[in-house]
Amino acid sequence: MDFEIKHRPSYSLLEVRLSTNESIRAEAGAMTYMSPNIEVRTIMRESSFIETLGLKLLGGQSFFINEYAATQSPGIVGLVSAPLGDIAHLSVTSQRGYIIQKSAYVASSPTINLDIKWQGFTRGIFGQGIFMIRVTGIGDLFINTFGAIEKKTLGQGEEIIVDNFHLAAFSDTCRYEVKKFGGLKSTILGGEGLVLRVTGPGDVYIQTKNPAEFAEWLWTLLEPYVRSRSR
């Protein structure tokens, strides 16, 4: 697949140049622009309605994705994600797939399969759920991050601990365990909730910004205005 990731790292945009009859699938709402000859088809993300419903309820993703196909002649599609940050290209092979955060998915080849992989402590501690999507198949996968991307390559048995809000993706050759951060007191007062201990071999993709912390910071700016308007 011929593509270019533009405007990195803060305002990344994925431009895919499709050959005649070539297609790409993308998250609903990701399209920014496209050639007039691109044909759009909305499809279910999973192979069955029940699986799709599970993805909606557990993963928070949309029921459908859009498939963009170049008909009669080559064309281009511009795709973006909601968060301000980077887009990464991951090559999926029969030997290596990926586990990605539910919100990280942007686009993929039609030959890529998306499955739910859930791990957590009864939907998370204090409302922090960890919902993952397992990516398999052969083809191209594009993920987005909030902020820049830090890639860590782990050797056999090498470990790293990552905050769940900072973890974007990791190779499915890795093993992982979801843990509380410290004891109960540090979980409540230390600004952390859940972390993942990831063990190699494989690659780990970390986003440099925490969306939960950003939302809290944004609320400190909005709260005085909201309170003043509600009086």
C-alpha atoms as a PDB file:
ATOM      1  CA  MET A   1       0.000   0.000   0.000  1.00  0.00           C
ATOM      2  CA  ASP A   2       1.390   3.375  -1.050  1.00  0.00           C
ATOM      3  CA  PHE A   3       0.937   5.910   1.759  1.00  0.00           C
ATOM      4  CA  GLU A   4       2.424   8.990   3.392  1.00  0.00           C
ATOM      5  CA  ILE A   5       2.005  10.243   6.961  1.00  0.00           C
ATOM      6  CA  LYS A   6       2.046  14.035   6.804  1.00  0.00           C
ATOM      7  CA  HIS A   7       2.353  16.844   9.384  1.00  0.00           C
ATOM      8  CA  ARG A   8       4.006  14.703  12.044  1.00  0.00           C
ATOM      9  CA  PRO A   9       4.139  14.475  14.991  1.00  0.00           C
ATOM     10  CA  SER A  10       1.365  16.704  16.354  1.00  0.00           C
ATOM     11  CA  TYR A  11      -1.204  16.960  13.573  1.00  0.00           C
ATOM     12  CA  SER A  12      -0.616  13.779  11.608  1.00  0.00           C
ATOM     13  CA  LEU A  13      -2.666  12.942   8.541  1.00  0.00           C
ATOM     14  CA  LEU A  14      -2.544   9.649   6.654  1.00  0.00           C
ATOM     15  CA  GLU A  15      -2.754   9.967   2.879  1.00  0.00           C
ATOM     16  CA  VAL A  16      -3.225   6.650   1.072  1.00  0.00           C
ATOM     17  CA  ARG A  17      -2.714   6.412  -2.684  1.00  0.00           C
ATOM     18  CA  LEU A  18      -4.842   3.558  -3.960  1.00  0.00           C
ATOM     19  CA  SER A  19      -4.236   1.735  -7.222  1.00  0.00           C
ATOM     20  CA  THR A  20      -7.211   0.812  -9.374  1.00  0.00           C
ATOM     21  CA  ASN A  21      -9.437  -1.652  -7.465  1.00  0.00           C
ATOM     22  CA  GLU A  22      -7.295  -1.331  -4.316  1.00  0.00           C
ATOM     23  CA  SER A  23      -9.071  -0.517  -1.048  1.00  0.00           C
ATOM     24  CA  ILE A  24      -8.497   0.418   2.574  1.00  0.00           C
ATOM     25  CA  ARG A  25     -10.737   0.210   5.643  1.00  0.00           C
ATOM     26  CA  ALA A  26     -10.889   3.017   8.187  1.00  0.00           C
ATOM     27  CA  GLU A  27     -12.611   4.002  11.397  1.00  0.00           C
ATOM     28  CA  ALA A  28     -15.947   5.739  10.862  1.00  0.00           C
ATOM     29  CA  GLY A  29     -15.428   9.495  10.686  1.00  0.00           C
ATOM     30  CA  ALA A  30     -11.717   9.286   9.820  1.00  0.00           C
ATOM     31  CA  MET A  31     -12.066  10.467   6.203  1.00  0.00           C
ATOM     32  CA  THR A  32     -10.879  14.040   5.565  1.00  0.00           C
ATOM     33  CA  TYR A  33     -10.754  14.119   1.757  1.00  0.00           C
ATOM     34  CA  MET A  34     -10.788  11.723  -1.185  1.00  0.00           C
ATOM     35  CA  SER A  35     -10.748  11.569  -4.965  1.00  0.00           C
ATOM     36  CA  PRO A  36     -14.137  11.700  -6.739  1.00  0.00           C
ATOM     37  CA  ASN A  37     -13.623   8.182  -8.114  1.00  0.00           C
ATOM     38  CA  ILE A  38     -13.338   6.611  -4.641  1.00  0.00           C
ATOM     39  CA  GLU A  39     -16.256   4.338  -3.853  1.00  0.00           C
ATOM     40  CA  VAL A  40     -17.276   4.149  -0.184  1.00  0.00           C
ATOM     41  CA  ARG A  41     -18.900   1.076   1.331  1.00  0.00           C
ATOM     42  CA  THR A  42     -19.957   0.832   4.982  1.00  0.00           C
ATOM     43  CA  ILE A  43     -19.433  -2.602   6.473  1.00  0.00           C
ATOM     44  CA  MET A  44     -19.609  -4.305   9.851  1.00  0.00           C
ATOM     45  CA  ARG A  45     -16.276  -4.498  11.609  1.00  0.00           C
ATOM     46  CA  GLU A  46     -16.716  -8.103  12.748  1.00  0.00           C
ATOM     47  CA  SER A  47     -17.894 -11.209  10.939  1.00  0.00           C
ATOM     48  CA  SER A  48     -21.161 -11.438  12.851  1.00  0.00           C
ATOM     49  CA  PHE A  49     -23.612  -9.035  14.424  1.00  0.00           C
ATOM     50  CA  ILE A  50     -23.019 -10.475  17.901  1.00  0.00           C
ATOM     51  CA  GLU A  51     -19.259  -9.959  17.598  1.00  0.00           C
ATOM     52  CA  THR A  52     -19.830  -6.434  16.344  1.00  0.00           C
ATOM     53  CA  LEU A  53     -22.169  -5.735  19.237  1.00  0.00           C
ATOM     54  CA  GLY A  54     -19.508  -7.021  21.625  1.00  0.00           C
ATOM     55  CA  LEU A  55     -16.978  -4.650  20.107  1.00  0.00           C
ATOM     56  CA  LYS A  56     -19.360  -1.738  20.539  1.00  0.00           C
ATOM     57  CA  LEU A  57     -20.210  -2.522  24.165  1.00  0.00           C
ATOM     58  CA  LEU A  58     -16.799  -3.652  25.394  1.00  0.00           C
ATOM     59  CA  GLY A  59     -14.440  -1.675  23.222  1.00  0.00           C
ATOM     60  CA  GLY A  60     -16.328   1.552  22.749  1.00  0.00           C
ATOM     61  CA  GLN A  61     -15.705   1.518  19.018  1.00  0.00           C
ATOM     62  CA  SER A  62     -18.310   2.155  16.335  1.00  0.00           C
ATOM     63  CA  PHE A  63     -20.416  -0.634  14.873  1.00  0.00           C
ATOM     64  CA  PHE A  64     -19.225   0.009  11.354  1.00  0.00           C
ATOM     65  CA  ILE A  65     -16.135   0.928   9.392  1.00  0.00           C
ATOM     66  CA  ASN A  66     -15.878   2.415   5.921  1.00  0.00           C
ATOM     67  CA  GLU A  67     -14.100   0.746   3.020  1.00  0.00           C
ATOM     68  CA  TYR A  68     -12.656   3.093   0.397  1.00  0.00           C
ATOM     69  CA  ALA A  69     -11.991   1.569  -3.030  1.00  0.00           C
ATOM     70  CA  ALA A  70     -10.447   3.186  -6.096  1.00  0.00           C
ATOM     71  CA  THR A  71     -12.677   2.391  -9.080  1.00  0.00           C
ATOM     72  CA  GLN A  72     -11.710   2.733 -12.756  1.00  0.00           C
ATOM     73  CA  SER A  73      -8.542   4.672 -11.924  1.00  0.00           C
ATOM     74  CA  PRO A  74      -6.134   5.332  -9.016  1.00  0.00           C
ATOM     75  CA  GLY A  75      -7.202   7.692  -6.237  1.00  0.00           C
ATOM     76  CA  ILE A  76      -6.273   9.127  -2.848  1.00  0.00           C
ATOM     77  CA  VAL A  77      -7.893   9.121   0.584  1.00  0.00           C
ATOM     78  CA  GLY A  78      -6.901  11.395   3.477  1.00  0.00           C
ATOM     79  CA  LEU A  79      -7.535   9.980   6.954  1.00  0.00           C
ATOM     80  CA  VAL A  80      -7.130  11.528  10.402  1.00  0.00           C
ATOM     81  CA  SER A  81      -7.892  10.602  13.999  1.00  0.00           C
ATOM     82  CA  ALA A  82      -9.539  12.683  16.684  1.00  0.00           C
ATOM     83  CA  PRO A  83      -6.622  13.096  19.141  1.00  0.00           C
ATOM     84  CA  LEU A  84      -3.846  15.594  18.496  1.00  0.00           C
ATOM     85  CA  GLY A  85      -0.873  13.361  17.902  1.00  0.00           C
ATOM     86  CA  ASP A  86       0.978  11.022  15.604  1.00  0.00           C
ATOM     87  CA  ILE A  87       0.028   8.158  13.313  1.00  0.00           C
ATOM     88  CA  ALA A  88       2.170   5.031  13.084  1.00  0.00           C
ATOM     89  CA  HIS A  89       2.329   2.326  10.425  1.00  0.00           C
ATOM     90  CA  LEU A  90       2.575  -1.260  11.673  1.00  0.00           C
ATOM     91  CA  SER A  91       3.172  -4.185   9.363  1.00  0.00           C
ATOM     92  CA  VAL A  92       1.061  -7.216  10.324  1.00  0.00           C
ATOM     93  CA  THR A  93       2.340 -10.650   9.288  1.00  0.00           C
ATOM     94  CA  SER A  94       1.326 -14.243   9.888  1.00  0.00           C
ATOM     95  CA  GLN A  95       4.076 -14.408  12.543  1.00  0.00           C
ATOM     96  CA  ARG A  96       3.329 -11.106  14.266  1.00  0.00           C
ATOM     97  CA  GLY A  97       0.085  -9.349  15.043  1.00  0.00           C
ATOM     98  CA  TYR A  98      -0.608  -6.590  17.547  1.00  0.00           C
ATOM     99  CA  ILE A  99      -2.688  -5.746  20.589  1.00  0.00           C
ATOM    100  CA  ILE A 100      -3.928  -2.148  20.361  1.00  0.00           C
ATOM    101  CA  GLN A 101      -5.912   0.136  22.610  1.00  0.00           C
ATOM    102  CA  LYS A 102      -9.558   0.466  21.612  1.00  0.00           C
ATOM    103  CA  SER A 103      -9.127   4.117  20.577  1.00  0.00           C
ATOM    104  CA  ALA A 104      -5.871   3.635  18.661  1.00  0.00           C
ATOM    105  CA  TYR A 105      -7.323   2.134  15.481  1.00  0.00           C
ATOM    106  CA  VAL A 106      -7.315   4.389  12.400  1.00  0.00           C
ATOM    107  CA  ALA A 107      -7.198   2.186   9.295  1.00  0.00           C
ATOM    108  CA  SER A 108      -6.041  -1.154   7.918  1.00  0.00           C
ATOM    109  CA  SER A 109      -5.850  -3.345   4.839  1.00  0.00           C
ATOM    110  CA  PRO A 110      -8.993  -5.380   4.044  1.00  0.00           C
ATOM    111  CA  THR A 111      -6.957  -8.504   4.881  1.00  0.00           C
ATOM    112  CA  ILE A 112      -6.555  -7.427   8.531  1.00  0.00           C
ATOM    113  CA  ASN A 113      -8.778  -9.011  11.194  1.00  0.00           C
ATOM    114  CA  LEU A 114      -9.869  -7.126  14.328  1.00  0.00           C
ATOM    115  CA  ASP A 115     -10.868  -8.982  17.487  1.00  0.00           C
ATOM    116  CA  ILE A 116     -11.680  -7.992  21.058  1.00  0.00           C
ATOM    117  CA  LYS A 117      -9.107  -8.852  23.682  1.00  0.00           C
ATOM    118  CA  TRP A 118     -10.203  -7.718  27.112  1.00  0.00           C
ATOM    119  CA  GLN A 119      -8.143  -7.756  30.299  1.00  0.00           C
ATOM    120  CA  GLY A 120      -8.797  -5.932  33.521  1.00  0.00           C
ATOM    121  CA  PHE A 121     -10.123  -5.985  37.040  1.00  0.00           C
ATOM    122  CA  THR A 122     -13.930  -6.151  36.642  1.00  0.00           C
ATOM    123  CA  ARG A 123     -13.962  -3.338  34.071  1.00  0.00           C
ATOM    124  CA  GLY A 124     -11.089  -1.559  35.748  1.00  0.00           C
ATOM    125  CA  ILE A 125     -10.387   0.048  39.077  1.00  0.00           C
ATOM    126  CA  PHE A 126     -12.348   3.218  39.869  1.00  0.00           C
ATOM    127  CA  GLY A 127     -13.786   3.352  36.357  1.00  0.00           C
ATOM    128  CA  GLN A 128     -10.544   2.757  34.487  1.00  0.00           C
ATOM    129  CA  GLY A 129     -11.250  -0.058  32.037  1.00  0.00           C
ATOM    130  CA  ILE A 130      -8.663  -1.654  29.783  1.00  0.00           C
ATOM    131  CA  PHE A 131     -10.192  -2.780  26.528  1.00  0.00           C
ATOM    132  CA  MET A 132      -7.957  -4.030  23.756  1.00  0.00           C
ATOM    133  CA  ILE A 133      -8.338  -5.100  20.144  1.00  0.00           C
ATOM    134  CA  ARG A 134      -6.279  -8.000  18.802  1.00  0.00           C
ATOM    135  CA  VAL A 135      -5.079  -7.463  15.238  1.00  0.00           C
ATOM    136  CA  THR A 136      -4.128 -10.418  13.037  1.00  0.00           C
ATOM    137  CA  GLY A 137      -3.807 -11.207   9.348  1.00  0.00           C
ATOM    138  CA  ILE A 138      -1.403  -9.929   6.714  1.00  0.00           C
ATOM    139  CA  GLY A 139      -1.241  -6.297   5.655  1.00  0.00           C
ATOM    140  CA  ASP A 140      -0.940  -2.717   6.857  1.00  0.00           C
ATOM    141  CA  LEU A 141      -2.239  -1.315  10.143  1.00  0.00           C
ATOM    142  CA  PHE A 142      -2.327   2.364  11.100  1.00  0.00           C
ATOM    143  CA  ILE A 143      -2.753   3.521  14.686  1.00  0.00           C
ATOM    144  CA  ASN A 144      -2.995   6.950  16.244  1.00  0.00           C
ATOM    145  CA  THR A 145      -1.514   8.208  19.483  1.00  0.00           C
ATOM    146  CA  PHE A 146      -2.290  11.151  21.726  1.00  0.00           C
ATOM    147  CA  GLY A 147       0.984  13.046  21.551  1.00  0.00           C
ATOM    148  CA  ALA A 148       4.156  11.619  20.037  1.00  0.00           C
ATOM    149  CA  ILE A 149       5.085   7.939  19.732  1.00  0.00           C
ATOM    150  CA  GLU A 150       7.812   6.303  21.806  1.00  0.00           C
ATOM    151  CA  LYS A 151       8.717   2.839  20.512  1.00  0.00           C
ATOM    152  CA  LYS A 152      10.431   0.361  22.822  1.00  0.00           C
ATOM    153  CA  THR A 153      11.805  -2.904  21.435  1.00  0.00           C
ATOM    154  CA  LEU A 154      11.990  -5.617  24.090  1.00  0.00           C
ATOM    155  CA  GLY A 155      14.270  -8.610  23.905  1.00  0.00           C
ATOM    156  CA  GLN A 156      13.382 -12.102  25.094  1.00  0.00           C
ATOM    157  CA  GLY A 157      12.269 -11.845  28.741  1.00  0.00           C
ATOM    158  CA  GLU A 158      12.849  -8.069  28.886  1.00  0.00           C
ATOM    159  CA  GLU A 159      10.103  -6.162  30.710  1.00  0.00           C
ATOM    160  CA  ILE A 160       8.624  -2.702  30.822  1.00  0.00           C
ATOM    161  CA  ILE A 161       5.795  -1.248  32.927  1.00  0.00           C
ATOM    162  CA  VAL A 162       3.493   1.207  31.141  1.00  0.00           C
ATOM    163  CA  ASP A 163       0.570   3.247  32.432  1.00  0.00           C
ATOM    164  CA  ASN A 164      -2.600   1.961  30.763  1.00  0.00           C
ATOM    165  CA  PHE A 165      -3.498   5.395  29.382  1.00  0.00           C
ATOM    166  CA  HIS A 166      -0.068   5.718  27.769  1.00  0.00           C
ATOM    167  CA  LEU A 167      -0.007   2.294  26.145  1.00  0.00           C
ATOM    168  CA  ALA A 168      -1.032   2.439  22.468  1.00  0.00           C
ATOM    169  CA  ALA A 169      -0.027  -0.983  21.117  1.00  0.00           C
ATOM    170  CA  PHE A 170       2.356  -3.909  21.468  1.00  0.00           C
ATOM    171  CA  SER A 171       3.300  -7.014  19.497  1.00  0.00           C
ATOM    172  CA  ASP A 172       1.239 -10.106  20.209  1.00  0.00           C
ATOM    173  CA  THR A 173       4.520 -11.967  20.713  1.00  0.00           C
ATOM    174  CA  CYS A 174       4.692 -10.163  24.067  1.00  0.00           C
ATOM    175  CA  ARG A 175       3.110 -11.364  27.273  1.00  0.00           C
ATOM    176  CA  TYR A 176       1.321  -8.845  29.461  1.00  0.00           C
ATOM    177  CA  GLU A 177      -0.239  -8.568  32.888  1.00  0.00           C
ATOM    178  CA  VAL A 178      -2.564  -5.869  34.183  1.00  0.00           C
ATOM    179  CA  LYS A 179      -1.713  -4.686  37.690  1.00  0.00           C
ATOM    180  CA  LYS A 180      -2.676  -2.031  40.181  1.00  0.00           C
ATOM    181  CA  PHE A 181      -0.142   0.751  40.539  1.00  0.00           C
ATOM    182  CA  GLY A 182       1.321   0.320  44.017  1.00  0.00           C
ATOM    183  CA  GLY A 183      -1.018  -0.141  46.968  1.00  0.00           C
ATOM    184  CA  LEU A 184      -4.535   1.142  47.467  1.00  0.00           C
ATOM    185  CA  LYS A 185      -3.316   4.454  48.902  1.00  0.00           C
ATOM    186  CA  SER A 186      -1.053   5.217  45.953  1.00  0.00           C
ATOM    187  CA  THR A 187      -3.806   4.127  43.553  1.00  0.00           C
ATOM    188  CA  ILE A 188      -6.159   6.691  45.076  1.00  0.00           C
ATOM    189  CA  LEU A 189      -3.707   9.512  45.845  1.00  0.00           C
ATOM    190  CA  GLY A 190      -0.831   8.903  43.449  1.00  0.00           C
ATOM    191  CA  GLY A 191      -2.572   9.824  40.221  1.00  0.00           C
ATOM    192  CA  GLU A 192      -2.207   6.299  38.834  1.00  0.00           C
ATOM    193  CA  GLY A 193      -4.663   3.439  38.527  1.00  0.00           C
ATOM    194  CA  LEU A 194      -3.684   0.519  36.322  1.00  0.00           C
ATOM    195  CA  VAL A 195      -0.409  -0.367  34.656  1.00  0.00           C
ATOM    196  CA  LEU A 196       0.607  -3.119  32.285  1.00  0.00           C
ATOM    197  CA  ARG A 197       3.741  -5.175  32.752  1.00  0.00           C
ATOM    198  CA  VAL A 198       4.753  -6.150  29.223  1.00  0.00           C
ATOM    199  CA  THR A 199       7.355  -8.870  28.643  1.00  0.00           C
ATOM    200  CA  GLY A 200       9.232  -9.316  25.354  1.00  0.00           C
ATOM    201  CA  PRO A 201      10.125 -10.207  22.750  1.00  0.00           C
ATOM    202  CA  GLY A 202       8.327  -7.571  20.704  1.00  0.00           C
ATOM    203  CA  ASP A 203       7.674  -3.881  20.177  1.00  0.00           C
ATOM    204  CA  VAL A 204       5.764  -1.582  22.528  1.00  0.00           C
ATOM    205  CA  TYR A 205       4.258   1.707  21.287  1.00  0.00           C
ATOM    206  CA  ILE A 206       3.758   4.353  23.961  1.00  0.00           C
ATOM    207  CA  GLN A 207       1.899   7.646  23.571  1.00  0.00           C
ATOM    208  CA  THR A 208       3.595  10.562  25.320  1.00  0.00           C
ATOM    209  CA  LYS A 209       0.373  12.247  26.465  1.00  0.00           C
ATOM    210  CA  ASN A 210      -2.309  10.904  28.779  1.00  0.00           C
ATOM    211  CA  PRO A 211      -5.878  11.600  27.532  1.00  0.00           C
ATOM    212  CA  ALA A 212      -7.326  11.238  31.037  1.00  0.00           C
ATOM    213  CA  GLU A 213      -4.920  13.822  32.453  1.00  0.00           C
ATOM    214  CA  PHE A 214      -5.648  16.121  29.506  1.00  0.00           C
ATOM    215  CA  ALA A 215      -9.384  15.871  30.170  1.00  0.00           C
ATOM    216  CA  GLU A 216      -8.823  16.734  33.828  1.00  0.00           C
ATOM    217  CA  TRP A 217      -6.639  19.710  32.886  1.00  0.00           C
ATOM    218  CA  LEU A 218      -9.239  20.907  30.387  1.00  0.00           C
ATOM    219  CA  TRP A 219     -11.922  20.665  33.031  1.00  0.00           C
ATOM    220  CA  THR A 220      -9.957  22.984  35.334  1.00  0.00           C
ATOM    221  CA  LEU A 221     -10.297  25.620  32.607  1.00  0.00           C
ATOM    222  CA  LEU A 222     -13.934  24.889  31.790  1.00  0.00           C
ATOM    223  CA  GLU A 223     -15.296  24.374  35.290  1.00  0.00           C
ATOM    224  CA  PRO A 224     -15.318  28.062  36.365  1.00  0.00           C
ATOM    225  CA  TYR A 225     -17.146  28.976  33.151  1.00  0.00           C
ATOM    226  CA  VAL A 226     -19.664  26.142  33.532  1.00  0.00           C
ATOM    227  CA  ARG A 227     -20.352  27.058  37.163  1.00  0.00           C
ATOM    228  CA  SER A 228     -20.814  30.732  36.303  1.00  0.00           C
ATOM    229  CA  ARG A 229     -23.288  29.868  33.527  1.00  0.00           C
ATOM    230  CA  SER A 230     -25.324  27.568  35.790  1.00  0.00           C
ATOM    231  CA  ARG A 231     -25.973  30.222  38.408  1.00  0.00           C
END
